[in-house]
């Protein structure tokens, strides 16, 4: 049964990517979430190049919660994007629900000035 779950996750990821690539020429903000870490990348769809990225490996966590770390990553990725003159992106949540850490990252990026 383990394979069935991972297969469904892959199919969901493909569906999301198809929709995003079909409707937008803007760069996409891709989120990856694991049990311990979270990372975000802004990818240029035309050239398939990573423009900027941020991950939780470089953050001094201390007593921060996973949600607080996700907010910090959202702020960092938004600041890096604005420095490179990128103000509008498409949010690519991948196979994850828009809930919890993924939502916290997106909200923090919006507060810093990214539009999606």
PDB file of N, CA and C in Angstrom:
ATOM      1  N   UNK A   1       0.808  -1.213   0.000  1.00  0.00           N
ATOM      2  CA  UNK A   1       0.000   0.000   0.000  1.00  0.00           C
ATOM      3  C   UNK A   1       0.849   1.273   0.000  1.00  0.00           C
ATOM      4  N   UNK A   2       2.069   1.152   0.407  1.00  0.00           N
ATOM      5  CA  UNK A   2       2.935   2.328   0.458  1.00  0.00           C
ATOM      6  C   UNK A   2       3.137   2.927  -0.933  1.00  0.00           C
ATOM      7  N   UNK A   3       3.222   2.075  -1.929  1.00  0.00           N
ATOM      8  CA  UNK A   3       3.443   2.557  -3.284  1.00  0.00           C
ATOM      9  C   UNK A   3       2.244   3.331  -3.812  1.00  0.00           C
ATOM     10  N   UNK A   4       1.050   2.908  -3.425  1.00  0.00           N
ATOM     11  CA  UNK A   4      -0.164   3.578  -3.885  1.00  0.00           C
ATOM     12  C   UNK A   4      -0.192   5.031  -3.407  1.00  0.00           C
ATOM     13  N   UNK A   5       0.227   5.268  -2.164  1.00  0.00           N
ATOM     14  CA  UNK A   5       0.222   6.621  -1.611  1.00  0.00           C
ATOM     15  C   UNK A   5       1.226   7.509  -2.343  1.00  0.00           C
ATOM     16  N   UNK A   6       2.423   7.014  -2.581  1.00  0.00           N
ATOM     17  CA  UNK A   6       3.427   7.824  -3.263  1.00  0.00           C
ATOM     18  C   UNK A   6       3.028   8.067  -4.717  1.00  0.00           C
ATOM     19  N   UNK A   7       2.381   7.094  -5.343  1.00  0.00           N
ATOM     20  CA  UNK A   7       1.913   7.251  -6.711  1.00  0.00           C
ATOM     21  C   UNK A   7       0.866   8.348  -6.800  1.00  0.00           C
ATOM     22  N   UNK A   8      -0.063   8.378  -5.849  1.00  0.00           N
ATOM     23  CA  UNK A   8      -1.084   9.422  -5.830  1.00  0.00           C
ATOM     24  C   UNK A   8      -0.452  10.798  -5.634  1.00  0.00           C
ATOM     25  N   UNK A   9       0.569  10.864  -4.805  1.00  0.00           N
ATOM     26  CA  UNK A   9       1.263  12.128  -4.549  1.00  0.00           C
ATOM     27  C   UNK A   9       1.930  12.643  -5.827  1.00  0.00           C
ATOM     28  N   UNK A  10       2.535  11.740  -6.579  1.00  0.00           N
ATOM     29  CA  UNK A  10       3.181  12.120  -7.832  1.00  0.00           C
ATOM     30  C   UNK A  10       2.147  12.614  -8.835  1.00  0.00           C
ATOM     31  N   UNK A  11       1.016  11.919  -8.941  1.00  0.00           N
ATOM     32  CA  UNK A  11      -0.035  12.340  -9.865  1.00  0.00           C
ATOM     33  C   UNK A  11      -0.581  13.715  -9.510  1.00  0.00           C
ATOM     34  N   UNK A  12      -0.753  13.974  -8.224  1.00  0.00           N
ATOM     35  CA  UNK A  12      -1.254  15.276  -7.786  1.00  0.00           C
ATOM     36  C   UNK A  12      -0.254  16.375  -8.137  1.00  0.00           C
ATOM     37  N   UNK A  13       1.025  16.105  -7.939  1.00  0.00           N
ATOM     38  CA  UNK A  13       2.078  17.072  -8.269  1.00  0.00           C
ATOM     39  C   UNK A  13       2.066  17.385  -9.769  1.00  0.00           C
ATOM     40  N   UNK A  14       1.917  16.376 -10.600  1.00  0.00           N
ATOM     41  CA  UNK A  14       1.887  16.566 -12.047  1.00  0.00           C
ATOM     42  C   UNK A  14       0.685  17.409 -12.451  1.00  0.00           C
ATOM     43  N   UNK A  15      -0.487  17.144 -11.850  1.00  0.00           N
ATOM     44  CA  UNK A  15      -1.689  17.927 -12.161  1.00  0.00           C
ATOM     45  C   UNK A  15      -1.483  19.398 -11.850  1.00  0.00           C
ATOM     46  N   UNK A  16      -0.901  19.689 -10.696  1.00  0.00           N
ATOM     47  CA  UNK A  16      -0.674  21.078 -10.286  1.00  0.00           C
ATOM     48  C   UNK A  16       0.303  21.759 -11.240  1.00  0.00           C
ATOM     49  N   UNK A  17       1.385  21.071 -11.606  1.00  0.00           N
ATOM     50  CA  UNK A  17       2.385  21.650 -12.498  1.00  0.00           C
ATOM     51  C   UNK A  17       1.813  21.927 -13.892  1.00  0.00           C
ATOM     52  N   UNK A  18       0.970  21.037 -14.385  1.00  0.00           N
ATOM     53  CA  UNK A  18       0.362  21.245 -15.698  1.00  0.00           C
ATOM     54  C   UNK A  18      -0.480  22.513 -15.716  1.00  0.00           C
ATOM     55  N   UNK A  19      -1.281  22.702 -14.668  1.00  0.00           N
ATOM     56  CA  UNK A  19      -2.144  23.875 -14.602  1.00  0.00           C
ATOM     57  C   UNK A  19      -1.319  25.151 -14.543  1.00  0.00           C
ATOM     58  N   UNK A  20      -0.275  25.132 -13.752  1.00  0.00           N
ATOM     59  CA  UNK A  20       0.552  26.329 -13.587  1.00  0.00           C
ATOM     60  C   UNK A  20       1.286  26.671 -14.874  1.00  0.00           C
ATOM     61  N   UNK A  21       1.868  25.690 -15.525  1.00  0.00           N
ATOM     62  CA  UNK A  21       2.606  25.947 -16.758  1.00  0.00           C
ATOM     63  C   UNK A  21       1.687  26.397 -17.892  1.00  0.00           C
ATOM     64  N   UNK A  22       0.453  25.931 -17.894  1.00  0.00           N
ATOM     65  CA  UNK A  22      -0.468  26.277 -18.968  1.00  0.00           C
ATOM     66  C   UNK A  22      -0.965  27.710 -18.866  1.00  0.00           C
ATOM     67  N   UNK A  23      -1.113  28.232 -17.651  1.00  0.00           N
ATOM     68  CA  UNK A  23      -1.760  29.535 -17.508  1.00  0.00           C
ATOM     69  C   UNK A  23      -0.804  30.695 -17.312  1.00  0.00           C
ATOM     70  N   UNK A  24       0.472  30.427 -17.060  1.00  0.00           N
ATOM     71  CA  UNK A  24       1.287  31.552 -16.651  1.00  0.00           C
ATOM     72  C   UNK A  24       2.657  31.571 -17.300  1.00  0.00           C
ATOM     73  N   UNK A  25       3.094  32.782 -17.604  1.00  0.00           N
ATOM     74  CA  UNK A  25       4.468  32.981 -18.056  1.00  0.00           C
ATOM     75  C   UNK A  25       5.308  33.584 -16.927  1.00  0.00           C
ATOM     76  N   UNK A  26       4.671  33.803 -15.777  1.00  0.00           N
ATOM     77  CA  UNK A  26       5.391  34.336 -14.621  1.00  0.00           C
ATOM     78  C   UNK A  26       6.251  33.253 -13.980  1.00  0.00           C
ATOM     79  N   UNK A  27       7.280  33.658 -13.229  1.00  0.00           N
ATOM     80  CA  UNK A  27       8.049  32.657 -12.479  1.00  0.00           C
ATOM     81  C   UNK A  27       7.166  31.996 -11.428  1.00  0.00           C
ATOM     82  N   UNK A  28       7.537  30.787 -11.008  1.00  0.00           N
ATOM     83  CA  UNK A  28       6.730  30.100 -10.009  1.00  0.00           C
ATOM     84  C   UNK A  28       7.504  29.944  -8.711  1.00  0.00           C
ATOM     85  N   UNK A  29       6.773  30.087  -7.623  1.00  0.00           N
ATOM     86  CA  UNK A  29       7.310  29.893  -6.281  1.00  0.00           C
ATOM     87  C   UNK A  29       6.993  28.466  -5.875  1.00  0.00           C
ATOM     88  N   UNK A  30       7.996  27.612  -5.903  1.00  0.00           N
ATOM     89  CA  UNK A  30       7.841  26.192  -5.619  1.00  0.00           C
ATOM     90  C   UNK A  30       8.175  25.923  -4.160  1.00  0.00           C
ATOM     91  N   UNK A  31       7.311  25.173  -3.478  1.00  0.00           N
ATOM     92  CA  UNK A  31       7.501  24.858  -2.065  1.00  0.00           C
ATOM     93  C   UNK A  31       7.758  23.363  -1.920  1.00  0.00           C
ATOM     94  N   UNK A  32       8.764  23.022  -1.113  1.00  0.00           N
ATOM     95  CA  UNK A  32       9.018  21.638  -0.748  1.00  0.00           C
ATOM     96  C   UNK A  32       8.967  21.544   0.767  1.00  0.00           C
ATOM     97  N   UNK A  33       8.226  20.566   1.265  1.00  0.00           N
ATOM     98  CA  UNK A  33       8.064  20.396   2.710  1.00  0.00           C
ATOM     99  C   UNK A  33       8.358  18.954   3.056  1.00  0.00           C
ATOM    100  N   UNK A  34       9.191  18.750   4.082  1.00  0.00           N
ATOM    101  CA  UNK A  34       9.400  17.416   4.616  1.00  0.00           C
ATOM    102  C   UNK A  34       9.012  17.450   6.087  1.00  0.00           C
ATOM    103  N   UNK A  35       9.252  16.385   6.798  1.00  0.00           N
ATOM    104  CA  UNK A  35       8.874  16.367   8.205  1.00  0.00           C
ATOM    105  C   UNK A  35       9.656  17.389   9.026  1.00  0.00           C
ATOM    106  N   UNK A  36      10.923  17.603   8.679  1.00  0.00           N
ATOM    107  CA  UNK A  36      11.771  18.491   9.479  1.00  0.00           C
ATOM    108  C   UNK A  36      12.126  19.797   8.799  1.00  0.00           C
ATOM    109  N   UNK A  37      12.161  19.827   7.492  1.00  0.00           N
ATOM    110  CA  UNK A  37      12.649  20.992   6.761  1.00  0.00           C
ATOM    111  C   UNK A  37      11.569  21.543   5.837  1.00  0.00           C
ATOM    112  N   UNK A  38      11.806  22.780   5.385  1.00  0.00           N
ATOM    113  CA  UNK A  38      10.960  23.386   4.357  1.00  0.00           C
ATOM    114  C   UNK A  38      11.864  24.254   3.490  1.00  0.00           C
ATOM    115  N   UNK A  39      11.582  24.268   2.204  1.00  0.00           N
ATOM    116  CA  UNK A  39      12.372  25.098   1.308  1.00  0.00           C
ATOM    117  C   UNK A  39      11.460  25.685   0.236  1.00  0.00           C
ATOM    118  N   UNK A  40      11.935  26.775  -0.353  1.00  0.00           N
ATOM    119  CA  UNK A  40      11.183  27.448  -1.413  1.00  0.00           C
ATOM    120  C   UNK A  40      12.158  27.895  -2.487  1.00  0.00           C
ATOM    121  N   UNK A  41      11.715  27.816  -3.726  1.00  0.00           N
ATOM    122  CA  UNK A  41      12.521  28.246  -4.863  1.00  0.00           C
ATOM    123  C   UNK A  41      11.649  29.056  -5.794  1.00  0.00           C
ATOM    124  N   UNK A  42      12.241  30.053  -6.423  1.00  0.00           N
ATOM    125  CA  UNK A  42      11.556  30.762  -7.499  1.00  0.00           C
ATOM    126  C   UNK A  42      12.230  30.317  -8.787  1.00  0.00           C
ATOM    127  N   UNK A  43      11.416  29.738  -9.683  1.00  0.00           N
ATOM    128  CA  UNK A  43      11.922  29.118 -10.898  1.00  0.00           C
ATOM    129  C   UNK A  43      11.366  29.854 -12.111  1.00  0.00           C
ATOM    130  N   UNK A  44      12.240  30.129 -13.074  1.00  0.00           N
ATOM    131  CA  UNK A  44      11.837  30.725 -14.342  1.00  0.00           C
ATOM    132  C   UNK A  44      11.315  29.600 -15.234  1.00  0.00           C
ATOM    133  N   UNK A  45      10.030  29.630 -15.589  1.00  0.00           N
ATOM    134  CA  UNK A  45       9.415  28.557 -16.376  1.00  0.00           C
ATOM    135  C   UNK A  45       9.963  28.468 -17.793  1.00  0.00           C
ATOM    136  N   UNK A  46      10.340  29.588 -18.358  1.00  0.00           N
ATOM    137  CA  UNK A  46      10.804  29.584 -19.750  1.00  0.00           C
ATOM    138  C   UNK A  46      12.138  28.859 -19.893  1.00  0.00           C
ATOM    139  N   UNK A  47      13.077  29.167 -18.996  1.00  0.00           N
ATOM    140  CA  UNK A  47      14.418  28.596 -19.094  1.00  0.00           C
ATOM    141  C   UNK A  47      14.662  27.443 -18.117  1.00  0.00           C
ATOM    142  N   UNK A  48      13.682  27.157 -17.260  1.00  0.00           N
ATOM    143  CA  UNK A  48      13.820  26.134 -16.218  1.00  0.00           C
ATOM    144  C   UNK A  48      15.061  26.359 -15.360  1.00  0.00           C
ATOM    145  N   UNK A  49      15.244  27.593 -14.927  1.00  0.00           N
ATOM    146  CA  UNK A  49      16.379  27.960 -14.082  1.00  0.00           C
ATOM    147  C   UNK A  49      15.876  28.433 -12.730  1.00  0.00           C
ATOM    148  N   UNK A  50      16.646  28.132 -11.697  1.00  0.00           N
ATOM    149  CA  UNK A  50      16.327  28.616 -10.364  1.00  0.00           C
ATOM    150  C   UNK A  50      16.840  30.049 -10.248  1.00  0.00           C
ATOM    151  N   UNK A  51      15.936  30.973  -9.938  1.00  0.00           N
ATOM    152  CA  UNK A  51      16.310  32.377  -9.799  1.00  0.00           C
ATOM    153  C   UNK A  51      16.834  32.644  -8.399  1.00  0.00           C
ATOM    154  N   UNK A  52      16.094  32.197  -7.403  1.00  0.00           N
ATOM    155  CA  UNK A  52      16.507  32.349  -6.012  1.00  0.00           C
ATOM    156  C   UNK A  52      15.897  31.222  -5.184  1.00  0.00           C
ATOM    157  N   UNK A  53      16.502  30.960  -4.032  1.00  0.00           N
ATOM    158  CA  UNK A  53      15.991  29.894  -3.179  1.00  0.00           C
ATOM    159  C   UNK A  53      16.298  30.213  -1.723  1.00  0.00           C
ATOM    160  N   UNK A  54      15.521  29.593  -0.842  1.00  0.00           N
ATOM    161  CA  UNK A  54      15.732  29.719   0.602  1.00  0.00           C
ATOM    162  C   UNK A  54      15.298  28.412   1.247  1.00  0.00           C
ATOM    163  N   UNK A  55      16.039  27.980   2.269  1.00  0.00           N
ATOM    164  CA  UNK A  55      15.642  26.759   2.960  1.00  0.00           C
ATOM    165  C   UNK A  55      15.920  26.877   4.446  1.00  0.00           C
ATOM    166  N   UNK A  56      15.360  25.945   5.189  1.00  0.00           N
ATOM    167  CA  UNK A  56      15.428  26.012   6.642  1.00  0.00           C
ATOM    168  C   UNK A  56      16.727  25.441   7.198  1.00  0.00           C
ATOM    169  N   UNK A  57      17.592  24.922   6.367  1.00  0.00           N
ATOM    170  CA  UNK A  57      18.861  24.383   6.850  1.00  0.00           C
ATOM    171  C   UNK A  57      19.781  25.486   7.369  1.00  0.00           C
ATOM    172  N   UNK A  58      19.650  26.685   6.816  1.00  0.00           N
ATOM    173  CA  UNK A  58      20.538  27.786   7.173  1.00  0.00           C
ATOM    174  C   UNK A  58      20.032  28.629   8.340  1.00  0.00           C
ATOM    175  N   UNK A  59      18.830  28.335   8.832  1.00  0.00           N
ATOM    176  CA  UNK A  59      18.233  29.140   9.903  1.00  0.00           C
ATOM    177  C   UNK A  59      18.601  28.546  11.252  1.00  0.00           C
ATOM    178  N   UNK A  60      18.986  29.410  12.181  1.00  0.00           N
ATOM    179  CA  UNK A  60      19.215  28.969  13.552  1.00  0.00           C
ATOM    180  C   UNK A  60      17.858  28.841  14.215  1.00  0.00           C
ATOM    181  N   UNK A  61      17.478  27.610  14.497  1.00  0.00           N
ATOM    182  CA  UNK A  61      16.116  27.348  14.927  1.00  0.00           C
ATOM    183  C   UNK A  61      15.872  27.682  16.393  1.00  0.00           C
ATOM    184  N   UNK A  62      16.722  27.222  17.279  1.00  0.00           N
ATOM    185  CA  UNK A  62      16.499  27.472  18.699  1.00  0.00           C
ATOM    186  C   UNK A  62      15.180  26.880  19.150  1.00  0.00           C
ATOM    187  N   UNK A  63      14.303  27.715  19.668  1.00  0.00           N
ATOM    188  CA  UNK A  63      12.991  27.264  20.156  1.00  0.00           C
ATOM    189  C   UNK A  63      11.872  27.608  19.179  1.00  0.00           C
ATOM    190  N   UNK A  64      12.207  27.875  17.912  1.00  0.00           N
ATOM    191  CA  UNK A  64      11.192  28.225  16.919  1.00  0.00           C
ATOM    192  C   UNK A  64      10.378  26.995  16.523  1.00  0.00           C
ATOM    193  N   UNK A  65       9.097  27.209  16.272  1.00  0.00           N
ATOM    194  CA  UNK A  65       8.242  26.137  15.780  1.00  0.00           C
ATOM    195  C   UNK A  65       8.454  25.978  14.270  1.00  0.00           C
ATOM    196  N   UNK A  66       7.972  24.885  13.717  1.00  0.00           N
ATOM    197  CA  UNK A  66       8.097  24.653  12.281  1.00  0.00           C
ATOM    198  C   UNK A  66       7.351  25.720  11.485  1.00  0.00           C
ATOM    199  N   UNK A  67       6.217  26.175  12.012  1.00  0.00           N
ATOM    200  CA  UNK A  67       5.433  27.214  11.337  1.00  0.00           C
ATOM    201  C   UNK A  67       6.182  28.540  11.332  1.00  0.00           C
ATOM    202  N   UNK A  68       6.833  28.867  12.442  1.00  0.00           N
ATOM    203  CA  UNK A  68       7.618  30.105  12.515  1.00  0.00           C
ATOM    204  C   UNK A  68       8.794  30.053  11.545  1.00  0.00           C
ATOM    205  N   UNK A  69       9.395  28.884  11.403  1.00  0.00           N
ATOM    206  CA  UNK A  69      10.494  28.727  10.450  1.00  0.00           C
ATOM    207  C   UNK A  69       9.978  28.910   9.028  1.00  0.00           C
ATOM    208  N   UNK A  70       8.800  28.371   8.728  1.00  0.00           N
ATOM    209  CA  UNK A  70       8.203  28.537   7.401  1.00  0.00           C
ATOM    210  C   UNK A  70       7.923  30.001   7.105  1.00  0.00           C
ATOM    211  N   UNK A  71       7.467  30.749   8.100  1.00  0.00           N
ATOM    212  CA  UNK A  71       7.235  32.187   7.918  1.00  0.00           C
ATOM    213  C   UNK A  71       8.548  32.896   7.596  1.00  0.00           C
ATOM    214  N   UNK A  72       9.604  32.518   8.279  1.00  0.00           N
ATOM    215  CA  UNK A  72      10.921  33.118   8.049  1.00  0.00           C
ATOM    216  C   UNK A  72      11.403  32.824   6.623  1.00  0.00           C
ATOM    217  N   UNK A  73      11.177  31.612   6.152  1.00  0.00           N
ATOM    218  CA  UNK A  73      11.551  31.248   4.783  1.00  0.00           C
ATOM    219  C   UNK A  73      10.740  32.067   3.776  1.00  0.00           C
ATOM    220  N   UNK A  74       9.453  32.260   4.052  1.00  0.00           N
ATOM    221  CA  UNK A  74       8.610  33.075   3.175  1.00  0.00           C
ATOM    222  C   UNK A  74       9.097  34.506   3.082  1.00  0.00           C
ATOM    223  N   UNK A  75       9.492  35.072   4.212  1.00  0.00           N
ATOM    224  CA  UNK A  75      10.035  36.435   4.217  1.00  0.00           C
ATOM    225  C   UNK A  75      11.336  36.499   3.427  1.00  0.00           C
ATOM    226  N   UNK A  76      12.206  35.525   3.648  1.00  0.00           N
ATOM    227  CA  UNK A  76      13.507  35.509   2.979  1.00  0.00           C
ATOM    228  C   UNK A  76      13.365  35.379   1.472  1.00  0.00           C
ATOM    229  N   UNK A  77      12.518  34.466   1.020  1.00  0.00           N
ATOM    230  CA  UNK A  77      12.362  34.252  -0.420  1.00  0.00           C
ATOM    231  C   UNK A  77      11.751  35.486  -1.081  1.00  0.00           C
ATOM    232  N   UNK A  78      10.828  36.151  -0.392  1.00  0.00           N
ATOM    233  CA  UNK A  78      10.208  37.361  -0.940  1.00  0.00           C
ATOM    234  C   UNK A  78      11.230  38.493  -1.032  1.00  0.00           C
ATOM    235  N   UNK A  79      12.043  38.666  -0.016  1.00  0.00           N
ATOM    236  CA  UNK A  79      13.066  39.706  -0.044  1.00  0.00           C
ATOM    237  C   UNK A  79      14.079  39.457  -1.164  1.00  0.00           C
ATOM    238  N   UNK A  80      14.494  38.196  -1.333  1.00  0.00           N
ATOM    239  CA  UNK A  80      15.438  37.863  -2.404  1.00  0.00           C
ATOM    240  C   UNK A  80      14.826  38.123  -3.774  1.00  0.00           C
ATOM    241  N   UNK A  81      13.546  37.808  -3.939  1.00  0.00           N
ATOM    242  CA  UNK A  81      12.878  38.013  -5.223  1.00  0.00           C
ATOM    243  C   UNK A  81      12.751  39.500  -5.542  1.00  0.00           C
ATOM    244  N   UNK A  82      12.388  40.288  -4.544  1.00  0.00           N
ATOM    245  CA  UNK A  82      12.220  41.727  -4.773  1.00  0.00           C
ATOM    246  C   UNK A  82      13.556  42.386  -5.093  1.00  0.00           C
ATOM    247  N   UNK A  83      14.644  41.896  -4.492  1.00  0.00           N
ATOM    248  CA  UNK A  83      15.974  42.410  -4.827  1.00  0.00           C
ATOM    249  C   UNK A  83      16.307  42.153  -6.293  1.00  0.00           C
ATOM    250  N   UNK A  84      15.799  41.054  -6.841  1.00  0.00           N
ATOM    251  CA  UNK A  84      16.048  40.722  -8.241  1.00  0.00           C
ATOM    252  C   UNK A  84      14.938  41.237  -9.153  1.00  0.00           C
ATOM    253  N   UNK A  85      14.120  42.142  -8.637  1.00  0.00           N
ATOM    254  CA  UNK A  85      13.071  42.826  -9.396  1.00  0.00           C
ATOM    255  C   UNK A  85      11.971  41.871  -9.876  1.00  0.00           C
ATOM    256  N   UNK A  86      11.611  40.922  -9.033  1.00  0.00           N
ATOM    257  CA  UNK A  86      10.493  40.011  -9.305  1.00  0.00           C
ATOM    258  C   UNK A  86       9.414  40.322  -8.276  1.00  0.00           C
ATOM    259  N   UNK A  87       8.249  40.767  -8.757  1.00  0.00           N
ATOM    260  CA  UNK A  87       7.174  41.149  -7.850  1.00  0.00           C
ATOM    261  C   UNK A  87       5.949  40.247  -7.971  1.00  0.00           C
ATOM    262  N   UNK A  88       5.799  39.576  -9.111  1.00  0.00           N
ATOM    263  CA  UNK A  88       4.645  38.706  -9.320  1.00  0.00           C
ATOM    264  C   UNK A  88       5.129  37.293  -9.634  1.00  0.00           C
ATOM    265  N   UNK A  89       4.579  36.330  -8.913  1.00  0.00           N
ATOM    266  CA  UNK A  89       4.909  34.925  -9.126  1.00  0.00           C
ATOM    267  C   UNK A  89       3.629  34.097  -9.092  1.00  0.00           C
ATOM    268  N   UNK A  90       3.751  32.830  -9.461  1.00  0.00           N
ATOM    269  CA  UNK A  90       2.659  31.873  -9.346  1.00  0.00           C
ATOM    270  C   UNK A  90       3.046  30.917  -8.231  1.00  0.00           C
ATOM    271  N   UNK A  91       2.132  30.659  -7.309  1.00  0.00           N
ATOM    272  CA  UNK A  91       2.423  29.807  -6.167  1.00  0.00           C
ATOM    273  C   UNK A  91       2.211  28.349  -6.547  1.00  0.00           C
ATOM    274  N   UNK A  92       3.263  27.542  -6.413  1.00  0.00           N
ATOM    275  CA  UNK A  92       3.213  26.122  -6.725  1.00  0.00           C
ATOM    276  C   UNK A  92       3.389  25.339  -5.431  1.00  0.00           C
ATOM    277  N   UNK A  93       2.290  24.862  -4.893  1.00  0.00           N
ATOM    278  CA  UNK A  93       2.330  24.154  -3.623  1.00  0.00           C
ATOM    279  C   UNK A  93       2.685  22.687  -3.789  1.00  0.00           C
ATOM    280  N   UNK A  94       2.766  22.230  -5.030  1.00  0.00           N
ATOM    281  CA  UNK A  94       3.079  20.823  -5.287  1.00  0.00           C
ATOM    282  C   UNK A  94       1.959  19.926  -4.799  1.00  0.00           C
ATOM    283  N   UNK A  95       2.290  18.782  -4.214  1.00  0.00           N
ATOM    284  CA  UNK A  95       1.248  17.866  -3.765  1.00  0.00           C
ATOM    285  C   UNK A  95       0.719  18.175  -2.367  1.00  0.00           C
ATOM    286  N   UNK A  96       1.181  19.269  -1.766  1.00  0.00           N
ATOM    287  CA  UNK A  96       0.814  19.569  -0.378  1.00  0.00           C
ATOM    288  C   UNK A  96      -0.475  20.380  -0.313  1.00  0.00           C
ATOM    289  N   UNK A  97      -1.209  20.216   0.782  1.00  0.00           N
ATOM    290  CA  UNK A  97      -2.406  21.014   1.005  1.00  0.00           C
ATOM    291  C   UNK A  97      -1.998  22.436   1.368  1.00  0.00           C
ATOM    292  N   UNK A  98      -2.836  23.395   1.008  1.00  0.00           N
ATOM    293  CA  UNK A  98      -2.587  24.791   1.367  1.00  0.00           C
ATOM    294  C   UNK A  98      -3.055  24.959   2.810  1.00  0.00           C
ATOM    295  N   UNK A  99      -2.194  24.552   3.725  1.00  0.00           N
ATOM    296  CA  UNK A  99      -2.566  24.485   5.127  1.00  0.00           C
ATOM    297  C   UNK A  99      -1.291  24.439   5.950  1.00  0.00           C
ATOM    298  N   UNK A 100      -1.307  24.985   7.137  1.00  0.00           N
ATOM    299  CA  UNK A 100      -0.177  24.865   8.057  1.00  0.00           C
ATOM    300  C   UNK A 100       1.061  25.608   7.586  1.00  0.00           C
ATOM    301  N   UNK A 101       2.166  24.874   7.459  1.00  0.00           N
ATOM    302  CA  UNK A 101       3.439  25.494   7.104  1.00  0.00           C
ATOM    303  C   UNK A 101       3.444  26.071   5.699  1.00  0.00           C
ATOM    304  N   UNK A 102       2.770  25.409   4.757  1.00  0.00           N
ATOM    305  CA  UNK A 102       2.717  25.912   3.382  1.00  0.00           C
ATOM    306  C   UNK A 102       1.960  27.238   3.347  1.00  0.00           C
ATOM    307  N   UNK A 103       0.869  27.314   4.068  1.00  0.00           N
ATOM    308  CA  UNK A 103       0.086  28.553   4.124  1.00  0.00           C
ATOM    309  C   UNK A 103       0.867  29.655   4.841  1.00  0.00           C
ATOM    310  N   UNK A 104       1.581  29.313   5.908  1.00  0.00           N
ATOM    311  CA  UNK A 104       2.372  30.297   6.641  1.00  0.00           C
ATOM    312  C   UNK A 104       3.460  30.887   5.750  1.00  0.00           C
ATOM    313  N   UNK A 105       4.109  30.049   4.944  1.00  0.00           N
ATOM    314  CA  UNK A 105       5.134  30.526   4.020  1.00  0.00           C
ATOM    315  C   UNK A 105       4.528  31.475   2.995  1.00  0.00           C
ATOM    316  N   UNK A 106       3.386  31.113   2.437  1.00  0.00           N
ATOM    317  CA  UNK A 106       2.733  31.947   1.426  1.00  0.00           C
ATOM    318  C   UNK A 106       2.288  33.288   2.011  1.00  0.00           C
ATOM    319  N   UNK A 107       1.696  33.271   3.196  1.00  0.00           N
ATOM    320  CA  UNK A 107       1.241  34.509   3.825  1.00  0.00           C
ATOM    321  C   UNK A 107       2.403  35.442   4.140  1.00  0.00           C
ATOM    322  N   UNK A 108       3.517  34.883   4.604  1.00  0.00           N
ATOM    323  CA  UNK A 108       4.689  35.700   4.921  1.00  0.00           C
ATOM    324  C   UNK A 108       5.281  36.312   3.643  1.00  0.00           C
ATOM    325  N   UNK A 109       5.275  35.560   2.548  1.00  0.00           N
ATOM    326  CA  UNK A 109       5.773  36.089   1.282  1.00  0.00           C
ATOM    327  C   UNK A 109       4.877  37.217   0.776  1.00  0.00           C
ATOM    328  N   UNK A 110       3.567  37.072   0.968  1.00  0.00           N
ATOM    329  CA  UNK A 110       2.641  38.143   0.561  1.00  0.00           C
ATOM    330  C   UNK A 110       2.860  39.407   1.373  1.00  0.00           C
ATOM    331  N   UNK A 111       3.092  39.241   2.674  1.00  0.00           N
ATOM    332  CA  UNK A 111       3.313  40.413   3.539  1.00  0.00           C
ATOM    333  C   UNK A 111       4.568  41.187   3.136  1.00  0.00           C
ATOM    334  N   UNK A 112       5.562  40.474   2.615  1.00  0.00           N
ATOM    335  CA  UNK A 112       6.818  41.118   2.215  1.00  0.00           C
ATOM    336  C   UNK A 112       6.696  41.790   0.850  1.00  0.00           C
ATOM    337  N   UNK A 113       5.617  41.544   0.115  1.00  0.00           N
ATOM    338  CA  UNK A 113       5.409  42.263  -1.131  1.00  0.00           C
ATOM    339  C   UNK A 113       5.286  41.424  -2.378  1.00  0.00           C
ATOM    340  N   UNK A 114       5.410  40.118  -2.289  1.00  0.00           N
ATOM    341  CA  UNK A 114       5.202  39.271  -3.468  1.00  0.00           C
ATOM    342  C   UNK A 114       3.718  39.171  -3.773  1.00  0.00           C
ATOM    343  N   UNK A 115       3.376  39.185  -5.045  1.00  0.00           N
ATOM    344  CA  UNK A 115       1.978  39.044  -5.473  1.00  0.00           C
ATOM    345  C   UNK A 115       1.798  37.707  -6.167  1.00  0.00           C
ATOM    346  N   UNK A 116       0.791  36.956  -5.720  1.00  0.00           N
ATOM    347  CA  UNK A 116       0.403  35.723  -6.407  1.00  0.00           C
ATOM    348  C   UNK A 116      -1.020  35.375  -6.080  1.00  0.00           C
TER     349      UNK A 116
END
